[in-house]
Full PDB file with SEQRES, HELIX, SHEET, SSBOND, CRYST1, ORIGX, SCALE, CONECT and MASTER records, all heavy atoms in Angstrom:
SEQRES   1 A   36  ALA SER PRO GLY ARG LEU ARG ILE SER TRP ARG GLU VAL          
SEQRES   2 A   36  PRO PHE VAL ALA VAL PHE GLY VAL VAL GLY VAL ALA LEU          
SEQRES   3 A   36  THR GLN PHE LEU TYR TYR VAL ALA ILE GLY                      
HELIX    1 AA1 PRO A    3  LEU A    6  5                                   4    
HELIX    2 AA2 TRP A   10  GLU A   12  5                                   3    
HELIX    3 AA3 VAL A   13  VAL A   18  1                                   6    
HELIX    4 AA4 PHE A   19  LEU A   26  3                                   8    
HELIX    5 AA5 THR A   27  ILE A   35  1                                   9    
CRYST1    1.000    1.000    1.000  90.00  90.00  90.00 P 1           1          
ORIGX1      1.000000  0.000000  0.000000        0.00000                         
ORIGX2      0.000000  1.000000  0.000000        0.00000                         
ORIGX3      0.000000  0.000000  1.000000        0.00000                         
SCALE1      1.000000  0.000000  0.000000        0.00000                         
SCALE2      0.000000  1.000000  0.000000        0.00000                         
SCALE3      0.000000  0.000000  1.000000        0.00000                         
ATOM      1  N   ALA A   1      39.244 -17.957  22.680  1.00  0.00           N  
ATOM      2  CA  ALA A   1      39.810 -17.988  21.273  1.00  0.00           C  
ATOM      3  C   ALA A   1      39.227 -16.945  20.409  1.00  0.00           C  
ATOM      4  O   ALA A   1      39.907 -16.255  19.577  1.00  0.00           O  
ATOM      5  CB  ALA A   1      39.630 -19.361  20.695  1.00  0.00           C  
ATOM      6  N   SER A   2      37.949 -16.672  20.488  1.00  0.00           N  
ATOM      7  CA  SER A   2      37.303 -15.729  19.563  1.00  0.00           C  
ATOM      8  C   SER A   2      35.974 -15.254  20.145  1.00  0.00           C  
ATOM      9  O   SER A   2      34.909 -15.676  19.738  1.00  0.00           O  
ATOM     10  CB  SER A   2      36.990 -16.385  18.206  1.00  0.00           C  
ATOM     11  OG  SER A   2      36.466 -15.686  17.277  1.00  0.00           O  
ATOM     12  N   PRO A   3      36.022 -14.338  21.164  1.00  0.00           N  
ATOM     13  CA  PRO A   3      34.890 -13.810  21.885  1.00  0.00           C  
ATOM     14  C   PRO A   3      33.875 -13.258  21.044  1.00  0.00           C  
ATOM     15  O   PRO A   3      32.664 -13.305  21.350  1.00  0.00           O  
ATOM     16  CB  PRO A   3      35.412 -12.898  22.891  1.00  0.00           C  
ATOM     17  CG  PRO A   3      36.821 -12.565  22.418  1.00  0.00           C  
ATOM     18  CD  PRO A   3      37.410 -13.705  21.728  1.00  0.00           C  
ATOM     19  N   GLY A   4      34.258 -12.574  19.957  1.00  0.00           N  
ATOM     20  CA  GLY A   4      33.333 -11.963  19.101  1.00  0.00           C  
ATOM     21  C   GLY A   4      32.281 -12.854  18.425  1.00  0.00           C  
ATOM     22  O   GLY A   4      31.150 -12.508  18.143  1.00  0.00           O  
ATOM     23  N   ARG A   5      32.718 -14.111  18.274  1.00  0.00           N  
ATOM     24  CA  ARG A   5      31.802 -15.063  17.688  1.00  0.00           C  
ATOM     25  C   ARG A   5      30.589 -15.490  18.629  1.00  0.00           C  
ATOM     26  O   ARG A   5      29.700 -16.207  18.115  1.00  0.00           O  
ATOM     27  CB  ARG A   5      32.581 -16.341  17.287  1.00  0.00           C  
ATOM     28  CG  ARG A   5      33.515 -16.066  16.171  1.00  0.00           C  
ATOM     29  CD  ARG A   5      34.585 -17.098  15.941  1.00  0.00           C  
ATOM     30  NE  ARG A   5      34.025 -18.381  15.492  1.00  0.00           N  
ATOM     31  CZ  ARG A   5      34.708 -19.500  15.350  1.00  0.00           C  
ATOM     32  NH1 ARG A   5      35.988 -19.555  15.684  1.00  0.00           N  
ATOM     33  NH2 ARG A   5      34.079 -20.569  14.871  1.00  0.00           N  
ATOM     34  N   LEU A   6      30.768 -15.155  19.949  1.00  0.00           N  
ATOM     35  CA  LEU A   6      29.615 -15.444  20.846  1.00  0.00           C  
ATOM     36  C   LEU A   6      28.475 -14.501  20.805  1.00  0.00           C  
ATOM     37  O   LEU A   6      27.468 -14.679  21.443  1.00  0.00           O  
ATOM     38  CB  LEU A   6      30.156 -15.524  22.248  1.00  0.00           C  
ATOM     39  CG  LEU A   6      31.053 -16.735  22.574  1.00  0.00           C  
ATOM     40  CD1 LEU A   6      31.607 -16.625  23.934  1.00  0.00           C  
ATOM     41  CD2 LEU A   6      30.166 -18.015  22.506  1.00  0.00           C  
ATOM     42  N   ARG A   7      28.579 -13.376  20.015  1.00  0.00           N  
ATOM     43  CA  ARG A   7      27.555 -12.327  19.978  1.00  0.00           C  
ATOM     44  C   ARG A   7      26.356 -13.003  19.338  1.00  0.00           C  
ATOM     45  O   ARG A   7      26.424 -13.782  18.291  1.00  0.00           O  
ATOM     46  CB  ARG A   7      28.035 -11.141  19.080  1.00  0.00           C  
ATOM     47  CG  ARG A   7      29.093 -10.284  19.713  1.00  0.00           C  
ATOM     48  CD  ARG A   7      29.186  -8.999  19.081  1.00  0.00           C  
ATOM     49  NE  ARG A   7      30.393  -8.268  19.615  1.00  0.00           N  
ATOM     50  CZ  ARG A   7      31.607  -8.177  19.006  1.00  0.00           C  
ATOM     51  NH1 ARG A   7      31.691  -8.919  17.803  1.00  0.00           N  
ATOM     52  NH2 ARG A   7      32.593  -7.566  19.526  1.00  0.00           N  
ATOM     53  N   ILE A   8      25.214 -12.726  19.874  1.00  0.00           N  
ATOM     54  CA  ILE A   8      23.901 -13.286  19.324  1.00  0.00           C  
ATOM     55  C   ILE A   8      22.836 -12.156  19.495  1.00  0.00           C  
ATOM     56  O   ILE A   8      22.835 -11.485  20.400  1.00  0.00           O  
ATOM     57  CB  ILE A   8      23.543 -14.579  20.064  1.00  0.00           C  
ATOM     58  CG1 ILE A   8      22.266 -15.162  19.456  1.00  0.00           C  
ATOM     59  CG2 ILE A   8      23.309 -14.307  21.540  1.00  0.00           C  
ATOM     60  CD1 ILE A   8      21.935 -16.541  19.964  1.00  0.00           C  
ATOM     61  N   SER A   9      22.005 -12.063  18.445  1.00  0.00           N  
ATOM     62  CA  SER A   9      21.010 -11.060  18.436  1.00  0.00           C  
ATOM     63  C   SER A   9      19.628 -11.675  19.029  1.00  0.00           C  
ATOM     64  O   SER A   9      19.494 -12.894  18.985  1.00  0.00           O  
ATOM     65  CB  SER A   9      20.689 -10.533  17.011  1.00  0.00           C  
ATOM     66  OG  SER A   9      20.131 -11.514  16.163  1.00  0.00           O  
ATOM     67  N   TRP A  10      18.796 -10.820  19.504  1.00  0.00           N  
ATOM     68  CA  TRP A  10      17.532 -11.327  19.995  1.00  0.00           C  
ATOM     69  C   TRP A  10      16.693 -11.962  18.947  1.00  0.00           C  
ATOM     70  O   TRP A  10      15.913 -12.893  19.229  1.00  0.00           O  
ATOM     71  CB  TRP A  10      16.685 -10.161  20.682  1.00  0.00           C  
ATOM     72  CG  TRP A  10      17.227  -9.727  21.995  1.00  0.00           C  
ATOM     73  CD1 TRP A  10      17.893  -8.593  22.290  1.00  0.00           C  
ATOM     74  CD2 TRP A  10      17.093 -10.468  23.224  1.00  0.00           C  
ATOM     75  NE1 TRP A  10      18.261  -8.587  23.625  1.00  0.00           N  
ATOM     76  CE2 TRP A  10      17.786  -9.710  24.222  1.00  0.00           C  
ATOM     77  CE3 TRP A  10      16.587 -11.657  23.574  1.00  0.00           C  
ATOM     78  CZ2 TRP A  10      17.839 -10.112  25.556  1.00  0.00           C  
ATOM     79  CZ3 TRP A  10      16.620 -12.100  24.891  1.00  0.00           C  
ATOM     80  CH2 TRP A  10      17.265 -11.316  25.828  1.00  0.00           C  
ATOM     81  N   ARG A  11      16.818 -11.575  17.703  1.00  0.00           N  
ATOM     82  CA  ARG A  11      16.148 -12.187  16.629  1.00  0.00           C  
ATOM     83  C   ARG A  11      16.514 -13.625  16.420  1.00  0.00           C  
ATOM     84  O   ARG A  11      15.743 -14.443  15.957  1.00  0.00           O  
ATOM     85  CB  ARG A  11      16.383 -11.408  15.309  1.00  0.00           C  
ATOM     86  CG  ARG A  11      15.568 -11.800  14.161  1.00  0.00           C  
ATOM     87  CD  ARG A  11      15.810 -10.939  12.931  1.00  0.00           C  
ATOM     88  NE  ARG A  11      17.240 -10.970  12.512  1.00  0.00           N  
ATOM     89  CZ  ARG A  11      17.705 -10.167  11.559  1.00  0.00           C  
ATOM     90  NH1 ARG A  11      16.938  -9.338  10.901  1.00  0.00           N  
ATOM     91  NH2 ARG A  11      18.974 -10.301  11.232  1.00  0.00           N  
ATOM     92  N   GLU A  12      17.741 -13.996  16.787  1.00  0.00           N  
ATOM     93  CA  GLU A  12      18.181 -15.300  16.620  1.00  0.00           C  
ATOM     94  C   GLU A  12      17.806 -16.276  17.706  1.00  0.00           C  
ATOM     95  O   GLU A  12      17.821 -17.528  17.633  1.00  0.00           O  
ATOM     96  CB  GLU A  12      19.775 -15.438  16.552  1.00  0.00           C  
ATOM     97  CG  GLU A  12      20.324 -14.688  15.377  1.00  0.00           C  
ATOM     98  CD  GLU A  12      21.854 -14.687  15.430  1.00  0.00           C  
ATOM     99  OE1 GLU A  12      22.389 -13.753  16.125  1.00  0.00           O  
ATOM    100  OE2 GLU A  12      22.513 -15.572  14.833  1.00  0.00           O  
ATOM    101  N   VAL A  13      17.367 -15.736  18.856  1.00  0.00           N  
ATOM    102  CA  VAL A  13      17.161 -16.520  20.076  1.00  0.00           C  
ATOM    103  C   VAL A  13      15.995 -17.591  19.860  1.00  0.00           C  
ATOM    104  O   VAL A  13      16.166 -18.729  20.204  1.00  0.00           O  
ATOM    105  CB  VAL A  13      16.772 -15.626  21.276  1.00  0.00           C  
ATOM    106  CG1 VAL A  13      16.295 -16.404  22.444  1.00  0.00           C  
ATOM    107  CG2 VAL A  13      18.042 -14.841  21.688  1.00  0.00           C  
ATOM    108  N   PRO A  14      14.859 -17.243  19.241  1.00  0.00           N  
ATOM    109  CA  PRO A  14      13.837 -18.271  19.050  1.00  0.00           C  
ATOM    110  C   PRO A  14      14.326 -19.488  18.219  1.00  0.00           C  
ATOM    111  O   PRO A  14      14.030 -20.630  18.634  1.00  0.00           O  
ATOM    112  CB  PRO A  14      12.721 -17.568  18.358  1.00  0.00           C  
ATOM    113  CG  PRO A  14      12.916 -16.088  18.683  1.00  0.00           C  
ATOM    114  CD  PRO A  14      14.403 -15.961  18.816  1.00  0.00           C  
ATOM    115  N   PHE A  15      15.030 -19.201  17.205  1.00  0.00           N  
ATOM    116  CA  PHE A  15      15.573 -20.314  16.330  1.00  0.00           C  
ATOM    117  C   PHE A  15      16.585 -21.161  17.084  1.00  0.00           C  
ATOM    118  O   PHE A  15      16.451 -22.359  17.118  1.00  0.00           O  
ATOM    119  CB  PHE A  15      16.290 -19.760  15.113  1.00  0.00           C  
ATOM    120  CG  PHE A  15      16.954 -20.825  14.294  1.00  0.00           C  
ATOM    121  CD1 PHE A  15      16.336 -21.591  13.385  1.00  0.00           C  
ATOM    122  CD2 PHE A  15      18.320 -21.001  14.487  1.00  0.00           C  
ATOM    123  CE1 PHE A  15      16.951 -22.624  12.726  1.00  0.00           C  
ATOM    124  CE2 PHE A  15      19.012 -22.033  13.774  1.00  0.00           C  
ATOM    125  CZ  PHE A  15      18.309 -22.829  12.902  1.00  0.00           C  
ATOM    126  N   VAL A  16      17.469 -20.492  17.879  1.00  0.00           N  
ATOM    127  CA  VAL A  16      18.503 -21.238  18.611  1.00  0.00           C  
ATOM    128  C   VAL A  16      17.771 -22.059  19.756  1.00  0.00           C  
ATOM    129  O   VAL A  16      18.221 -23.189  19.998  1.00  0.00           O  
ATOM    130  CB  VAL A  16      19.486 -20.249  19.211  1.00  0.00           C  
ATOM    131  CG1 VAL A  16      20.363 -20.985  20.280  1.00  0.00           C  
ATOM    132  CG2 VAL A  16      20.421 -19.644  18.115  1.00  0.00           C  
ATOM    133  N   ALA A  17      16.725 -21.531  20.331  1.00  0.00           N  
ATOM    134  CA  ALA A  17      16.012 -22.208  21.388  1.00  0.00           C  
ATOM    135  C   ALA A  17      15.368 -23.509  20.804  1.00  0.00           C  
ATOM    136  O   ALA A  17      15.491 -24.566  21.440  1.00  0.00           O  
ATOM    137  CB  ALA A  17      14.934 -21.323  21.941  1.00  0.00           C  
ATOM    138  N   VAL A  18      14.716 -23.472  19.664  1.00  0.00           N  
ATOM    139  CA  VAL A  18      14.079 -24.638  19.068  1.00  0.00           C  
ATOM    140  C   VAL A  18      15.204 -25.618  18.660  1.00  0.00           C  
ATOM    141  O   VAL A  18      15.123 -26.801  18.924  1.00  0.00           O  
ATOM    142  CB  VAL A  18      13.247 -24.157  17.838  1.00  0.00           C  
ATOM    143  CG1 VAL A  18      12.754 -25.461  17.119  1.00  0.00           C  
ATOM    144  CG2 VAL A  18      12.070 -23.391  18.332  1.00  0.00           C  
ATOM    145  N   PHE A  19      16.250 -25.153  18.082  1.00  0.00           N  
ATOM    146  CA  PHE A  19      17.353 -25.977  17.616  1.00  0.00           C  
ATOM    147  C   PHE A  19      17.943 -26.725  18.738  1.00  0.00           C  
ATOM    148  O   PHE A  19      18.230 -27.879  18.721  1.00  0.00           O  
ATOM    149  CB  PHE A  19      18.353 -25.100  16.913  1.00  0.00           C  
ATOM    150  CG  PHE A  19      19.484 -25.823  16.273  1.00  0.00           C  
ATOM    151  CD1 PHE A  19      19.281 -26.846  15.365  1.00  0.00           C  
ATOM    152  CD2 PHE A  19      20.829 -25.472  16.540  1.00  0.00           C  
ATOM    153  CE1 PHE A  19      20.288 -27.561  14.828  1.00  0.00           C  
ATOM    154  CE2 PHE A  19      21.850 -26.123  15.945  1.00  0.00           C  
ATOM    155  CZ  PHE A  19      21.649 -27.197  15.080  1.00  0.00           C  
ATOM    156  N   GLY A  20      18.180 -26.001  19.859  1.00  0.00           N  
ATOM    157  CA  GLY A  20      18.781 -26.533  20.986  1.00  0.00           C  
ATOM    158  C   GLY A  20      17.906 -27.466  21.835  1.00  0.00           C  
ATOM    159  O   GLY A  20      18.377 -28.594  22.257  1.00  0.00           O  
ATOM    160  N   VAL A  21      16.612 -27.186  21.929  1.00  0.00           N  
ATOM    161  CA  VAL A  21      15.758 -28.020  22.706  1.00  0.00           C  
ATOM    162  C   VAL A  21      15.310 -29.318  21.950  1.00  0.00           C  
ATOM    163  O   VAL A  21      15.512 -30.429  22.444  1.00  0.00           O  
ATOM    164  CB  VAL A  21      14.421 -27.239  23.051  1.00  0.00           C  
ATOM    165  CG1 VAL A  21      13.429 -28.254  23.681  1.00  0.00           C  
ATOM    166  CG2 VAL A  21      14.796 -26.093  24.085  1.00  0.00           C  
ATOM    167  N   VAL A  22      14.922 -29.137  20.685  1.00  0.00           N  
ATOM    168  CA  VAL A  22      14.592 -30.291  19.865  1.00  0.00           C  
ATOM    169  C   VAL A  22      15.820 -31.087  19.392  1.00  0.00           C  
ATOM    170  O   VAL A  22      15.910 -32.339  19.578  1.00  0.00           O  
ATOM    171  CB  VAL A  22      13.662 -29.884  18.652  1.00  0.00           C  
ATOM    172  CG1 VAL A  22      13.359 -31.171  17.807  1.00  0.00           C  
ATOM    173  CG2 VAL A  22      12.454 -29.266  19.185  1.00  0.00           C  
ATOM    174  N   GLY A  23      16.719 -30.386  18.748  1.00  0.00           N  
ATOM    175  CA  GLY A  23      17.831 -31.004  18.183  1.00  0.00           C  
ATOM    176  C   GLY A  23      18.833 -31.580  19.104  1.00  0.00           C  
ATOM    177  O   GLY A  23      19.536 -32.559  18.769  1.00  0.00           O  
ATOM    178  N   VAL A  24      19.132 -30.956  20.294  1.00  0.00           N  
ATOM    179  CA  VAL A  24      20.132 -31.380  21.193  1.00  0.00           C  
ATOM    180  C   VAL A  24      19.531 -31.980  22.443  1.00  0.00           C  
ATOM    181  O   VAL A  24      19.799 -33.134  22.782  1.00  0.00           O  
ATOM    182  CB  VAL A  24      21.043 -30.199  21.532  1.00  0.00           C  
ATOM    183  CG1 VAL A  24      22.163 -30.607  22.524  1.00  0.00           C  
ATOM    184  CG2 VAL A  24      21.705 -29.618  20.293  1.00  0.00           C  
ATOM    185  N   ALA A  25      18.738 -31.238  23.185  1.00  0.00           N  
ATOM    186  CA  ALA A  25      18.246 -31.739  24.479  1.00  0.00           C  
ATOM    187  C   ALA A  25      17.390 -32.914  24.351  1.00  0.00           C  
ATOM    188  O   ALA A  25      17.603 -33.982  25.095  1.00  0.00           O  
ATOM    189  CB  ALA A  25      17.403 -30.587  25.135  1.00  0.00           C  
ATOM    190  N   LEU A  26      16.425 -32.976  23.479  1.00  0.00           N  
ATOM    191  CA  LEU A  26      15.517 -34.106  23.348  1.00  0.00           C  
ATOM    192  C   LEU A  26      16.227 -35.289  22.574  1.00  0.00           C  
ATOM    193  O   LEU A  26      15.914 -36.447  23.042  1.00  0.00           O  
ATOM    194  CB  LEU A  26      14.244 -33.709  22.648  1.00  0.00           C  
ATOM    195  CG  LEU A  26      13.377 -32.721  23.392  1.00  0.00           C  
ATOM    196  CD1 LEU A  26      12.079 -32.389  22.609  1.00  0.00           C  
ATOM    197  CD2 LEU A  26      13.018 -33.195  24.811  1.00  0.00           C  
ATOM    198  N   THR A  27      17.065 -35.087  21.670  1.00  0.00           N  
ATOM    199  CA  THR A  27      17.755 -36.119  20.928  1.00  0.00           C  
ATOM    200  C   THR A  27      18.571 -36.896  21.960  1.00  0.00           C  
ATOM    201  O   THR A  27      18.546 -38.168  22.041  1.00  0.00           O  
ATOM    202  CB  THR A  27      18.706 -35.584  19.861  1.00  0.00           C  
ATOM    203  OG1 THR A  27      17.881 -34.892  18.890  1.00  0.00           O  
ATOM    204  CG2 THR A  27      19.401 -36.703  19.164  1.00  0.00           C  
ATOM    205  N   GLN A  28      19.322 -36.196  22.807  1.00  0.00           N  
ATOM    206  CA  GLN A  28      20.201 -36.893  23.788  1.00  0.00           C  
ATOM    207  C   GLN A  28      19.350 -37.620  24.873  1.00  0.00           C  
ATOM    208  O   GLN A  28      19.709 -38.700  25.216  1.00  0.00           O  
ATOM    209  CB  GLN A  28      21.129 -35.851  24.406  1.00  0.00           C  
ATOM    210  CG  GLN A  28      22.216 -35.333  23.400  1.00  0.00           C  
ATOM    211  CD  GLN A  28      23.207 -34.449  24.048  1.00  0.00           C  
ATOM    212  OE1 GLN A  28      23.642 -34.768  25.145  1.00  0.00           O  
ATOM    213  NE2 GLN A  28      23.666 -33.419  23.400  1.00  0.00           N  
ATOM    214  N   PHE A  29      18.317 -36.918  25.361  1.00  0.00           N  
ATOM    215  CA  PHE A  29      17.475 -37.607  26.325  1.00  0.00           C  
ATOM    216  C   PHE A  29      16.826 -38.893  25.824  1.00  0.00           C  
ATOM    217  O   PHE A  29      16.837 -39.866  26.474  1.00  0.00           O  
ATOM    218  CB  PHE A  29      16.391 -36.636  26.759  1.00  0.00           C  
ATOM    219  CG  PHE A  29      15.304 -37.227  27.516  1.00  0.00           C  
ATOM    220  CD1 PHE A  29      15.480 -37.752  28.853  1.00  0.00           C  
ATOM    221  CD2 PHE A  29      14.014 -37.357  27.065  1.00  0.00           C  
ATOM    222  CE1 PHE A  29      14.460 -38.329  29.588  1.00  0.00           C  
ATOM    223  CE2 PHE A  29      12.965 -37.935  27.777  1.00  0.00           C  
ATOM    224  CZ  PHE A  29      13.197 -38.433  29.000  1.00  0.00           C  
ATOM    225  N   LEU A  30      16.208 -38.801  24.644  1.00  0.00           N  
ATOM    226  CA  LEU A  30      15.605 -39.992  24.078  1.00  0.00           C  
ATOM    227  C   LEU A  30      16.649 -41.121  23.847  1.00  0.00           C  
ATOM    228  O   LEU A  30      16.274 -42.307  23.957  1.00  0.00           O  
ATOM    229  CB  LEU A  30      14.912 -39.586  22.795  1.00  0.00           C  
ATOM    230  CG  LEU A  30      13.620 -38.740  23.040  1.00  0.00           C  
ATOM    231  CD1 LEU A  30      13.228 -38.078  21.786  1.00  0.00           C  
ATOM    232  CD2 LEU A  30      12.446 -39.589  23.601  1.00  0.00           C  
ATOM    233  N   TYR A  31      17.796 -40.786  23.375  1.00  0.00           N  
ATOM    234  CA  TYR A  31      18.929 -41.715  23.224  1.00  0.00           C  
ATOM    235  C   TYR A  31      19.236 -42.441  24.470  1.00  0.00           C  
ATOM    236  O   TYR A  31      19.405 -43.631  24.589  1.00  0.00           O  
ATOM    237  CB  TYR A  31      20.113 -41.044  22.690  1.00  0.00           C  
ATOM    238  CG  TYR A  31      21.335 -41.993  22.510  1.00  0.00           C  
ATOM    239  CD1 TYR A  31      21.341 -43.059  21.744  1.00  0.00           C  
ATOM    240  CD2 TYR A  31      22.434 -41.767  23.389  1.00  0.00           C  
ATOM    241  CE1 TYR A  31      22.519 -43.848  21.708  1.00  0.00           C  
ATOM    242  CE2 TYR A  31      23.503 -42.555  23.321  1.00  0.00           C  
ATOM    243  CZ  TYR A  31      23.571 -43.590  22.499  1.00  0.00           C  
ATOM    244  OH  TYR A  31      24.681 -44.467  22.461  1.00  0.00           O  
ATOM    245  N   TYR A  32      19.325 -41.665  25.584  1.00  0.00           N  
ATOM    246  CA  TYR A  32      19.535 -42.252  26.921  1.00  0.00           C  
ATOM    247  C   TYR A  32      18.423 -43.182  27.336  1.00  0.00           C  
ATOM    248  O   TYR A  32      18.648 -44.225  27.977  1.00  0.00           O  
ATOM    249  CB  TYR A  32      19.827 -41.230  27.906  1.00  0.00           C  
ATOM    250  CG  TYR A  32      21.223 -40.555  27.801  1.00  0.00           C  
ATOM    251  CD1 TYR A  32      21.426 -39.240  28.147  1.00  0.00           C  
ATOM    252  CD2 TYR A  32      22.309 -41.350  27.410  1.00  0.00           C  
ATOM    253  CE1 TYR A  32      22.747 -38.700  28.032  1.00  0.00           C  
ATOM    254  CE2 TYR A  32      23.553 -40.789  27.270  1.00  0.00           C  
ATOM    255  CZ  TYR A  32      23.725 -39.430  27.599  1.00  0.00           C  
ATOM    256  OH  TYR A  32      25.030 -38.889  27.520  1.00  0.00           O  
ATOM    257  N   VAL A  33      17.168 -42.766  27.043  1.00  0.00           N  
ATOM    258  CA  VAL A  33      16.060 -43.659  27.365  1.00  0.00           C  
ATOM    259  C   VAL A  33      16.162 -44.940  26.593  1.00  0.00           C  
ATOM    260  O   VAL A  33      15.986 -46.024  27.090  1.00  0.00           O  
ATOM    261  CB  VAL A  33      14.735 -42.965  27.043  1.00  0.00           C  
ATOM    262  CG1 VAL A  33      13.571 -43.917  27.190  1.00  0.00           C  
ATOM    263  CG2 VAL A  33      14.531 -41.791  27.944  1.00  0.00           C  
ATOM    264  N   ALA A  34      16.521 -44.804  25.350  1.00  0.00           N  
ATOM    265  CA  ALA A  34      16.741 -45.967  24.427  1.00  0.00           C  
ATOM    266  C   ALA A  34      17.701 -46.926  24.894  1.00  0.00           C  
ATOM    267  O   ALA A  34      17.520 -48.217  24.983  1.00  0.00           O  
ATOM    268  CB  ALA A  34      17.000 -45.571  22.968  1.00  0.00           C  
ATOM    269  N   ILE A  35      19.000 -46.458  25.352  1.00  0.00           N  
ATOM    270  CA  ILE A  35      20.043 -47.345  25.627  1.00  0.00           C  
ATOM    271  C   ILE A  35      19.791 -47.827  27.049  1.00  0.00           C  
ATOM    272  O   ILE A  35      20.477 -48.837  27.444  1.00  0.00           O  
ATOM    273  CB  ILE A  35      21.449 -46.640  25.573  1.00  0.00           C  
ATOM    274  CG1 ILE A  35      21.587 -45.514  26.595  1.00  0.00           C  
ATOM    275  CG2 ILE A  35      21.750 -46.233  24.155  1.00  0.00           C  
ATOM    276  CD1 ILE A  35      23.032 -44.895  26.644  1.00  0.00           C  
ATOM    277  N   GLY A  36      18.956 -47.269  27.810  1.00  0.00           N  
ATOM    278  CA  GLY A  36      18.525 -47.835  29.114  1.00  0.00           C  
ATOM    279  C   GLY A  36      17.658 -49.064  29.009  1.00  0.00           C  
ATOM    280  O   GLY A  36      17.508 -49.827  29.908  1.00  0.00           O  
TER     281      GLY A  36                                                      
MASTER        0    0    0    5    0    0    0    6  280    1    0    3          
END                                                                             
């Protein structure tokens, strides 16, 4: 739909990494532990 929006600079990578690991990966994992 909009390939240009996928461009990302190296400067953004550390922020996206923290955002994805803490905000997404760990949130979902801990939720699954909780509902188990």
